[in-house]
Amino acid sequence: MASQPQPSVNELLKHFDKETAARLGQLVNSGGLSADHLKEIVRLTSALPDYRDAEELDSLLEDAEDMDADAFRAWVDQILKEAKEG
């Protein structure tokens, strides 16, 4: 089975307003975040739009920068699971 192509950083950034996309793009370019981190941020903010709030996003980005992509993915999975369970 062939793996699905990974979306490009530019494709992922289209999910955000211009200012947020620029900020996220800078973090990716500086090495603070990877494309995998960005993919998880898109997944989280799509499912839980409250994370797009400026303060929530700041906190989310701090956490993302402190974790490798696999740990961040697991953390996002947990947040989504807890939200689904209510």
PDB file of N, CA and C in Angstrom:
ATOM      1  N   MET A   1       0.832  -1.170   0.000  1.00  0.00           N
ATOM      2  CA  MET A   1       0.000   0.000   0.000  1.00  0.00           C
ATOM      3  C   MET A   1       0.885   1.245   0.000  1.00  0.00           C
ATOM      4  N   ALA A   2       0.607   2.149  -0.898  1.00  0.00           N
ATOM      5  CA  ALA A   2       1.399   3.374  -1.024  1.00  0.00           C
ATOM      6  C   ALA A   2       0.982   4.355   0.060  1.00  0.00           C
ATOM      7  N   SER A   3       1.956   5.057   0.600  1.00  0.00           N
ATOM      8  CA  SER A   3       1.639   6.056   1.615  1.00  0.00           C
ATOM      9  C   SER A   3       1.097   7.305   0.939  1.00  0.00           C
ATOM     10  N   GLN A   4       0.279   8.028   1.663  1.00  0.00           N
ATOM     11  CA  GLN A   4      -0.282   9.260   1.128  1.00  0.00           C
ATOM     12  C   GLN A   4       0.801  10.322   1.079  1.00  0.00           C
ATOM     13  N   PRO A   5       0.782  11.153   0.038  1.00  0.00           N
ATOM     14  CA  PRO A   5       1.770  12.232  -0.011  1.00  0.00           C
ATOM     15  C   PRO A   5       1.540  13.199   1.148  1.00  0.00           C
ATOM     16  N   GLN A   6       2.633  13.695   1.710  1.00  0.00           N
ATOM     17  CA  GLN A   6       2.548  14.641   2.811  1.00  0.00           C
ATOM     18  C   GLN A   6       2.254  16.032   2.257  1.00  0.00           C
ATOM     19  N   PRO A   7       1.341  16.756   2.903  1.00  0.00           N
ATOM     20  CA  PRO A   7       1.086  18.119   2.440  1.00  0.00           C
ATOM     21  C   PRO A   7       2.307  18.998   2.678  1.00  0.00           C
ATOM     22  N   SER A   8       2.495  19.944   1.787  1.00  0.00           N
ATOM     23  CA  SER A   8       3.618  20.856   1.929  1.00  0.00           C
ATOM     24  C   SER A   8       3.323  21.868   3.030  1.00  0.00           C
ATOM     25  N   VAL A   9       4.374  22.484   3.513  1.00  0.00           N
ATOM     26  CA  VAL A   9       4.215  23.521   4.530  1.00  0.00           C
ATOM     27  C   VAL A   9       3.279  24.606   4.016  1.00  0.00           C
ATOM     28  N   ASN A  10       3.449  25.013   2.777  1.00  0.00           N
ATOM     29  CA  ASN A  10       2.602  26.073   2.220  1.00  0.00           C
ATOM     30  C   ASN A  10       1.131  25.658   2.191  1.00  0.00           C
ATOM     31  N   GLU A  11       0.866  24.393   1.886  1.00  0.00           N
ATOM     32  CA  GLU A  11      -0.514  23.897   1.890  1.00  0.00           C
ATOM     33  C   GLU A  11      -1.085  23.937   3.305  1.00  0.00           C
ATOM     34  N   LEU A  12      -0.284  23.552   4.269  1.00  0.00           N
ATOM     35  CA  LEU A  12      -0.731  23.557   5.662  1.00  0.00           C
ATOM     36  C   LEU A  12      -0.984  24.968   6.166  1.00  0.00           C
ATOM     37  N   LEU A  13      -0.168  25.906   5.740  1.00  0.00           N
ATOM     38  CA  LEU A  13      -0.317  27.290   6.189  1.00  0.00           C
ATOM     39  C   LEU A  13      -1.586  27.942   5.654  1.00  0.00           C
ATOM     40  N   LYS A  14      -2.155  27.400   4.594  1.00  0.00           N
ATOM     41  CA  LYS A  14      -3.392  27.953   4.028  1.00  0.00           C
ATOM     42  C   LYS A  14      -4.576  27.824   4.987  1.00  0.00           C
ATOM     43  N   HIS A  15      -4.430  27.028   6.017  1.00  0.00           N
ATOM     44  CA  HIS A  15      -5.500  26.825   6.993  1.00  0.00           C
ATOM     45  C   HIS A  15      -5.602  27.972   7.997  1.00  0.00           C
ATOM     46  N   PHE A  16      -4.678  28.916   7.927  1.00  0.00           N
ATOM     47  CA  PHE A  16      -4.603  29.979   8.918  1.00  0.00           C
ATOM     48  C   PHE A  16      -4.725  31.346   8.261  1.00  0.00           C
ATOM     49  N   ASP A  17      -5.088  32.334   9.080  1.00  0.00           N
ATOM     50  CA  ASP A  17      -5.125  33.705   8.579  1.00  0.00           C
ATOM     51  C   ASP A  17      -3.695  34.131   8.237  1.00  0.00           C
ATOM     52  N   LYS A  18      -3.577  35.218   7.520  1.00  0.00           N
ATOM     53  CA  LYS A  18      -2.281  35.656   6.993  1.00  0.00           C
ATOM     54  C   LYS A  18      -1.234  35.853   8.095  1.00  0.00           C
ATOM     55  N   GLU A  19      -1.620  36.504   9.180  1.00  0.00           N
ATOM     56  CA  GLU A  19      -0.685  36.795  10.270  1.00  0.00           C
ATOM     57  C   GLU A  19      -0.211  35.498  10.952  1.00  0.00           C
ATOM     58  N   THR A  20      -1.148  34.620  11.240  1.00  0.00           N
ATOM     59  CA  THR A  20      -0.789  33.358  11.894  1.00  0.00           C
ATOM     60  C   THR A  20       0.054  32.495  10.965  1.00  0.00           C
ATOM     61  N   ALA A  21      -0.309  32.465   9.690  1.00  0.00           N
ATOM     62  CA  ALA A  21       0.456  31.679   8.718  1.00  0.00           C
ATOM     63  C   ALA A  21       1.897  32.184   8.638  1.00  0.00           C
ATOM     64  N   ALA A  22       2.082  33.492   8.653  1.00  0.00           N
ATOM     65  CA  ALA A  22       3.437  34.053   8.597  1.00  0.00           C
ATOM     66  C   ALA A  22       4.227  33.652   9.840  1.00  0.00           C
ATOM     67  N   ARG A  23       3.582  33.735  10.986  1.00  0.00           N
ATOM     68  CA  ARG A  23       4.249  33.356  12.233  1.00  0.00           C
ATOM     69  C   ARG A  23       4.640  31.879  12.226  1.00  0.00           C
ATOM     70  N   LEU A  24       3.724  31.027  11.832  1.00  0.00           N
ATOM     71  CA  LEU A  24       4.012  29.595  11.780  1.00  0.00           C
ATOM     72  C   LEU A  24       5.093  29.289  10.752  1.00  0.00           C
ATOM     73  N   GLY A  25       5.032  29.963   9.616  1.00  0.00           N
ATOM     74  CA  GLY A  25       6.052  29.772   8.586  1.00  0.00           C
ATOM     75  C   GLY A  25       7.437  30.137   9.091  1.00  0.00           C
ATOM     76  N   GLN A  26       7.531  31.212   9.865  1.00  0.00           N
ATOM     77  CA  GLN A  26       8.818  31.610  10.437  1.00  0.00           C
ATOM     78  C   GLN A  26       9.334  30.560  11.415  1.00  0.00           C
ATOM     79  N   LEU A  27       8.434  29.994  12.214  1.00  0.00           N
ATOM     80  CA  LEU A  27       8.837  28.959  13.164  1.00  0.00           C
ATOM     81  C   LEU A  27       9.340  27.707  12.445  1.00  0.00           C
ATOM     82  N   VAL A  28       8.700  27.364  11.349  1.00  0.00           N
ATOM     83  CA  VAL A  28       9.158  26.208  10.566  1.00  0.00           C
ATOM     84  C   VAL A  28      10.510  26.521   9.929  1.00  0.00           C
ATOM     85  N   ASN A  29      10.631  27.699   9.347  1.00  0.00           N
ATOM     86  CA  ASN A  29      11.889  28.082   8.684  1.00  0.00           C
ATOM     87  C   ASN A  29      13.059  28.168   9.654  1.00  0.00           C
ATOM     88  N   SER A  30      12.784  28.564  10.904  1.00  0.00           N
ATOM     89  CA  SER A  30      13.849  28.678  11.888  1.00  0.00           C
ATOM     90  C   SER A  30      14.180  27.344  12.549  1.00  0.00           C
ATOM     91  N   GLY A  31      13.394  26.331  12.267  1.00  0.00           N
ATOM     92  CA  GLY A  31      13.633  25.017  12.857  1.00  0.00           C
ATOM     93  C   GLY A  31      12.931  24.806  14.184  1.00  0.00           C
ATOM     94  N   GLY A  32      12.155  25.769  14.631  1.00  0.00           N
ATOM     95  CA  GLY A  32      11.420  25.625  15.882  1.00  0.00           C
ATOM     96  C   GLY A  32      10.301  24.616  15.794  1.00  0.00           C
ATOM     97  N   LEU A  33       9.721  24.516  14.604  1.00  0.00           N
ATOM     98  CA  LEU A  33       8.665  23.547  14.328  1.00  0.00           C
ATOM     99  C   LEU A  33       8.996  22.813  13.038  1.00  0.00           C
ATOM    100  N   SER A  34       8.511  21.582  12.943  1.00  0.00           N
ATOM    101  CA  SER A  34       8.656  20.820  11.698  1.00  0.00           C
ATOM    102  C   SER A  34       7.321  20.824  10.959  1.00  0.00           C
ATOM    103  N   ALA A  35       7.338  20.345   9.737  1.00  0.00           N
ATOM    104  CA  ALA A  35       6.097  20.205   8.980  1.00  0.00           C
ATOM    105  C   ALA A  35       5.148  19.256   9.705  1.00  0.00           C
ATOM    106  N   ASP A  36       5.685  18.242  10.377  1.00  0.00           N
ATOM    107  CA  ASP A  36       4.842  17.318  11.137  1.00  0.00           C
ATOM    108  C   ASP A  36       4.159  18.028  12.304  1.00  0.00           C
ATOM    109  N   HIS A  37       4.874  18.923  12.972  1.00  0.00           N
ATOM    110  CA  HIS A  37       4.254  19.725  14.029  1.00  0.00           C
ATOM    111  C   HIS A  37       3.102  20.547  13.439  1.00  0.00           C
ATOM    112  N   LEU A  38       3.374  21.166  12.315  1.00  0.00           N
ATOM    113  CA  LEU A  38       2.381  22.016  11.673  1.00  0.00           C
ATOM    114  C   LEU A  38       1.144  21.214  11.287  1.00  0.00           C
ATOM    115  N   LYS A  39       1.352  20.011  10.794  1.00  0.00           N
ATOM    116  CA  LYS A  39       0.231  19.138  10.432  1.00  0.00           C
ATOM    117  C   LYS A  39      -0.645  18.852  11.651  1.00  0.00           C
ATOM    118  N   GLU A  40      -0.023  18.632  12.788  1.00  0.00           N
ATOM    119  CA  GLU A  40      -0.779  18.370  14.015  1.00  0.00           C
ATOM    120  C   GLU A  40      -1.497  19.622  14.511  1.00  0.00           C
ATOM    121  N   ILE A  41      -0.881  20.780  14.342  1.00  0.00           N
ATOM    122  CA  ILE A  41      -1.532  22.033  14.721  1.00  0.00           C
ATOM    123  C   ILE A  41      -2.775  22.246  13.867  1.00  0.00           C
ATOM    124  N   VAL A  42      -2.672  21.956  12.579  1.00  0.00           N
ATOM    125  CA  VAL A  42      -3.836  22.072  11.692  1.00  0.00           C
ATOM    126  C   VAL A  42      -4.929  21.106  12.147  1.00  0.00           C
ATOM    127  N   ARG A  43      -4.541  19.884  12.457  1.00  0.00           N
ATOM    128  CA  ARG A  43      -5.521  18.877  12.889  1.00  0.00           C
ATOM    129  C   ARG A  43      -6.228  19.335  14.171  1.00  0.00           C
ATOM    130  N   LEU A  44      -5.467  19.842  15.125  1.00  0.00           N
ATOM    131  CA  LEU A  44      -6.043  20.279  16.391  1.00  0.00           C
ATOM    132  C   LEU A  44      -6.928  21.508  16.214  1.00  0.00           C
ATOM    133  N   THR A  45      -6.442  22.504  15.517  1.00  0.00           N
ATOM    134  CA  THR A  45      -7.222  23.738  15.369  1.00  0.00           C
ATOM    135  C   THR A  45      -8.442  23.546  14.470  1.00  0.00           C
ATOM    136  N   SER A  46      -8.400  22.553  13.601  1.00  0.00           N
ATOM    137  CA  SER A  46      -9.574  22.245  12.786  1.00  0.00           C
ATOM    138  C   SER A  46     -10.663  21.584  13.632  1.00  0.00           C
ATOM    139  N   ALA A  47     -10.242  20.689  14.519  1.00  0.00           N
ATOM    140  CA  ALA A  47     -11.201  19.986  15.371  1.00  0.00           C
ATOM    141  C   ALA A  47     -11.676  20.847  16.536  1.00  0.00           C
ATOM    142  N   LEU A  48     -10.785  21.668  17.066  1.00  0.00           N
ATOM    143  CA  LEU A  48     -11.087  22.511  18.236  1.00  0.00           C
ATOM    144  C   LEU A  48     -10.679  23.953  17.936  1.00  0.00           C
ATOM    145  N   PRO A  49     -11.558  24.690  17.261  1.00  0.00           N
ATOM    146  CA  PRO A  49     -11.212  26.056  16.831  1.00  0.00           C
ATOM    147  C   PRO A  49     -10.805  27.007  17.952  1.00  0.00           C
ATOM    148  N   ASP A  50     -11.136  26.702  19.206  1.00  0.00           N
ATOM    149  CA  ASP A  50     -10.719  27.574  20.310  1.00  0.00           C
ATOM    150  C   ASP A  50      -9.202  27.694  20.379  1.00  0.00           C
ATOM    151  N   TYR A  51      -8.484  26.708  19.864  1.00  0.00           N
ATOM    152  CA  TYR A  51      -7.021  26.759  19.880  1.00  0.00           C
ATOM    153  C   TYR A  51      -6.468  27.795  18.905  1.00  0.00           C
ATOM    154  N   ARG A  52      -7.322  28.418  18.101  1.00  0.00           N
ATOM    155  CA  ARG A  52      -6.881  29.490  17.205  1.00  0.00           C
ATOM    156  C   ARG A  52      -6.827  30.835  17.921  1.00  0.00           C
ATOM    157  N   ASP A  53      -7.444  30.905  19.097  1.00  0.00           N
ATOM    158  CA  ASP A  53      -7.387  32.115  19.912  1.00  0.00           C
ATOM    159  C   ASP A  53      -5.926  32.453  20.178  1.00  0.00           C
ATOM    160  N   ALA A  54      -5.600  33.722  20.193  1.00  0.00           N
ATOM    161  CA  ALA A  54      -4.201  34.161  20.306  1.00  0.00           C
ATOM    162  C   ALA A  54      -3.494  33.568  21.523  1.00  0.00           C
ATOM    163  N   GLU A  55      -4.119  33.623  22.690  1.00  0.00           N
ATOM    164  CA  GLU A  55      -3.480  33.085  23.893  1.00  0.00           C
ATOM    165  C   GLU A  55      -3.342  31.567  23.827  1.00  0.00           C
ATOM    166  N   GLU A  56      -4.379  30.896  23.357  1.00  0.00           N
ATOM    167  CA  GLU A  56      -4.323  29.436  23.229  1.00  0.00           C
ATOM    168  C   GLU A  56      -3.255  29.029  22.222  1.00  0.00           C
ATOM    169  N   LEU A  57      -3.176  29.766  21.127  1.00  0.00           N
ATOM    170  CA  LEU A  57      -2.185  29.456  20.104  1.00  0.00           C
ATOM    171  C   LEU A  57      -0.769  29.663  20.644  1.00  0.00           C
ATOM    172  N   ASP A  58      -0.570  30.727  21.383  1.00  0.00           N
ATOM    173  CA  ASP A  58       0.750  30.962  21.995  1.00  0.00           C
ATOM    174  C   ASP A  58       1.159  29.787  22.867  1.00  0.00           C
ATOM    175  N   SER A  59       0.247  29.348  23.713  1.00  0.00           N
ATOM    176  CA  SER A  59       0.521  28.223  24.604  1.00  0.00           C
ATOM    177  C   SER A  59       0.777  26.944  23.803  1.00  0.00           C
ATOM    178  N   LEU A  60      -0.017  26.734  22.776  1.00  0.00           N
ATOM    179  CA  LEU A  60       0.139  25.558  21.917  1.00  0.00           C
ATOM    180  C   LEU A  60       1.507  25.544  21.243  1.00  0.00           C
ATOM    181  N   LEU A  61       1.932  26.697  20.752  1.00  0.00           N
ATOM    182  CA  LEU A  61       3.223  26.775  20.067  1.00  0.00           C
ATOM    183  C   LEU A  61       4.382  26.556  21.028  1.00  0.00           C
ATOM    184  N   GLU A  62       4.253  27.058  22.246  1.00  0.00           N
ATOM    185  CA  GLU A  62       5.289  26.807  23.251  1.00  0.00           C
ATOM    186  C   GLU A  62       5.419  25.311  23.511  1.00  0.00           C
ATOM    187  N   ASP A  63       4.283  24.657  23.665  1.00  0.00           N
ATOM    188  CA  ASP A  63       4.300  23.208  23.895  1.00  0.00           C
ATOM    189  C   ASP A  63       4.887  22.477  22.691  1.00  0.00           C
ATOM    190  N   ALA A  64       4.499  22.886  21.498  1.00  0.00           N
ATOM    191  CA  ALA A  64       4.982  22.225  20.281  1.00  0.00           C
ATOM    192  C   ALA A  64       6.496  22.336  20.158  1.00  0.00           C
ATOM    193  N   GLU A  65       7.032  23.496  20.480  1.00  0.00           N
ATOM    194  CA  GLU A  65       8.476  23.700  20.372  1.00  0.00           C
ATOM    195  C   GLU A  65       9.258  22.865  21.390  1.00  0.00           C
ATOM    196  N   ASP A  66       8.592  22.514  22.486  1.00  0.00           N
ATOM    197  CA  ASP A  66       9.254  21.727  23.532  1.00  0.00           C
ATOM    198  C   ASP A  66       9.208  20.218  23.274  1.00  0.00           C
ATOM    199  N   MET A  67       8.452  19.795  22.266  1.00  0.00           N
ATOM    200  CA  MET A  67       8.275  18.364  22.003  1.00  0.00           C
ATOM    201  C   MET A  67       8.760  18.001  20.608  1.00  0.00           C
ATOM    202  N   ASP A  68       9.244  16.753  20.470  1.00  0.00           N
ATOM    203  CA  ASP A  68       9.522  16.286  19.113  1.00  0.00           C
ATOM    204  C   ASP A  68       8.180  15.972  18.447  1.00  0.00           C
ATOM    205  N   ALA A  69       8.191  15.746  17.162  1.00  0.00           N
ATOM    206  CA  ALA A  69       6.949  15.585  16.402  1.00  0.00           C
ATOM    207  C   ALA A  69       6.108  14.416  16.899  1.00  0.00           C
ATOM    208  N   ASP A  70       6.732  13.298  17.241  1.00  0.00           N
ATOM    209  CA  ASP A  70       5.975  12.139  17.718  1.00  0.00           C
ATOM    210  C   ASP A  70       5.300  12.420  19.058  1.00  0.00           C
ATOM    211  N   ALA A  71       6.014  13.047  19.959  1.00  0.00           N
ATOM    212  CA  ALA A  71       5.442  13.386  21.264  1.00  0.00           C
ATOM    213  C   ALA A  71       4.306  14.390  21.094  1.00  0.00           C
ATOM    214  N   PHE A  72       4.484  15.352  20.205  1.00  0.00           N
ATOM    215  CA  PHE A  72       3.446  16.353  19.971  1.00  0.00           C
ATOM    216  C   PHE A  72       2.201  15.698  19.378  1.00  0.00           C
ATOM    217  N   ARG A  73       2.380  14.766  18.454  1.00  0.00           N
ATOM    218  CA  ARG A  73       1.260  14.049  17.851  1.00  0.00           C
ATOM    219  C   ARG A  73       0.479  13.302  18.945  1.00  0.00           C
ATOM    220  N   ALA A  74       1.192  12.621  19.835  1.00  0.00           N
ATOM    221  CA  ALA A  74       0.536  11.890  20.924  1.00  0.00           C
ATOM    222  C   ALA A  74      -0.214  12.850  21.849  1.00  0.00           C
ATOM    223  N   TRP A  75       0.376  14.013  22.106  1.00  0.00           N
ATOM    224  CA  TRP A  75      -0.253  15.016  22.950  1.00  0.00           C
ATOM    225  C   TRP A  75      -1.535  15.540  22.307  1.00  0.00           C
ATOM    226  N   VAL A  76      -1.492  15.812  21.006  1.00  0.00           N
ATOM    227  CA  VAL A  76      -2.683  16.264  20.279  1.00  0.00           C
ATOM    228  C   VAL A  76      -3.741  15.162  20.298  1.00  0.00           C
ATOM    229  N   ASP A  77      -3.326  13.914  20.089  1.00  0.00           N
ATOM    230  CA  ASP A  77      -4.276  12.793  20.162  1.00  0.00           C
ATOM    231  C   ASP A  77      -5.010  12.797  21.498  1.00  0.00           C
ATOM    232  N   GLN A  78      -4.265  13.011  22.574  1.00  0.00           N
ATOM    233  CA  GLN A  78      -4.857  13.009  23.919  1.00  0.00           C
ATOM    234  C   GLN A  78      -5.843  14.162  24.089  1.00  0.00           C
ATOM    235  N   ILE A  79      -5.489  15.342  23.628  1.00  0.00           N
ATOM    236  CA  ILE A  79      -6.397  16.495  23.721  1.00  0.00           C
ATOM    237  C   ILE A  79      -7.684  16.208  22.961  1.00  0.00           C
ATOM    238  N   LEU A  80      -7.568  15.661  21.763  1.00  0.00           N
ATOM    239  CA  LEU A  80      -8.738  15.368  20.949  1.00  0.00           C
ATOM    240  C   LEU A  80      -9.595  14.274  21.591  1.00  0.00           C
ATOM    241  N   LYS A  81      -8.952  13.291  22.160  1.00  0.00           N
ATOM    242  CA  LYS A  81      -9.672  12.212  22.849  1.00  0.00           C
ATOM    243  C   LYS A  81     -10.462  12.771  24.026  1.00  0.00           C
ATOM    244  N   GLU A  82      -9.812  13.602  24.840  1.00  0.00           N
ATOM    245  CA  GLU A  82     -10.475  14.198  25.996  1.00  0.00           C
ATOM    246  C   GLU A  82     -11.636  15.097  25.567  1.00  0.00           C
ATOM    247  N   ALA A  83     -11.476  15.831  24.493  1.00  0.00           N
ATOM    248  CA  ALA A  83     -12.540  16.708  24.000  1.00  0.00           C
ATOM    249  C   ALA A  83     -13.736  15.883  23.520  1.00  0.00           C
ATOM    250  N   LYS A  84     -13.444  14.773  22.872  1.00  0.00           N
ATOM    251  CA  LYS A  84     -14.502  13.905  22.359  1.00  0.00           C
ATOM    252  C   LYS A  84     -15.288  13.263  23.503  1.00  0.00           C
ATOM    253  N   GLU A  85     -14.577  12.908  24.572  1.00  0.00           N
ATOM    254  CA  GLU A  85     -15.208  12.277  25.727  1.00  0.00           C
ATOM    255  C   GLU A  85     -16.009  13.267  26.567  1.00  0.00           C
ATOM    256  N   GLY A  86     -15.744  14.545  26.329  1.00  0.00           N
ATOM    257  CA  GLY A  86     -16.493  15.576  27.014  1.00  0.00           C
ATOM    258  C   GLY A  86     -15.914  15.951  28.298  1.00  0.00           C
TER     259      GLY A  86
END
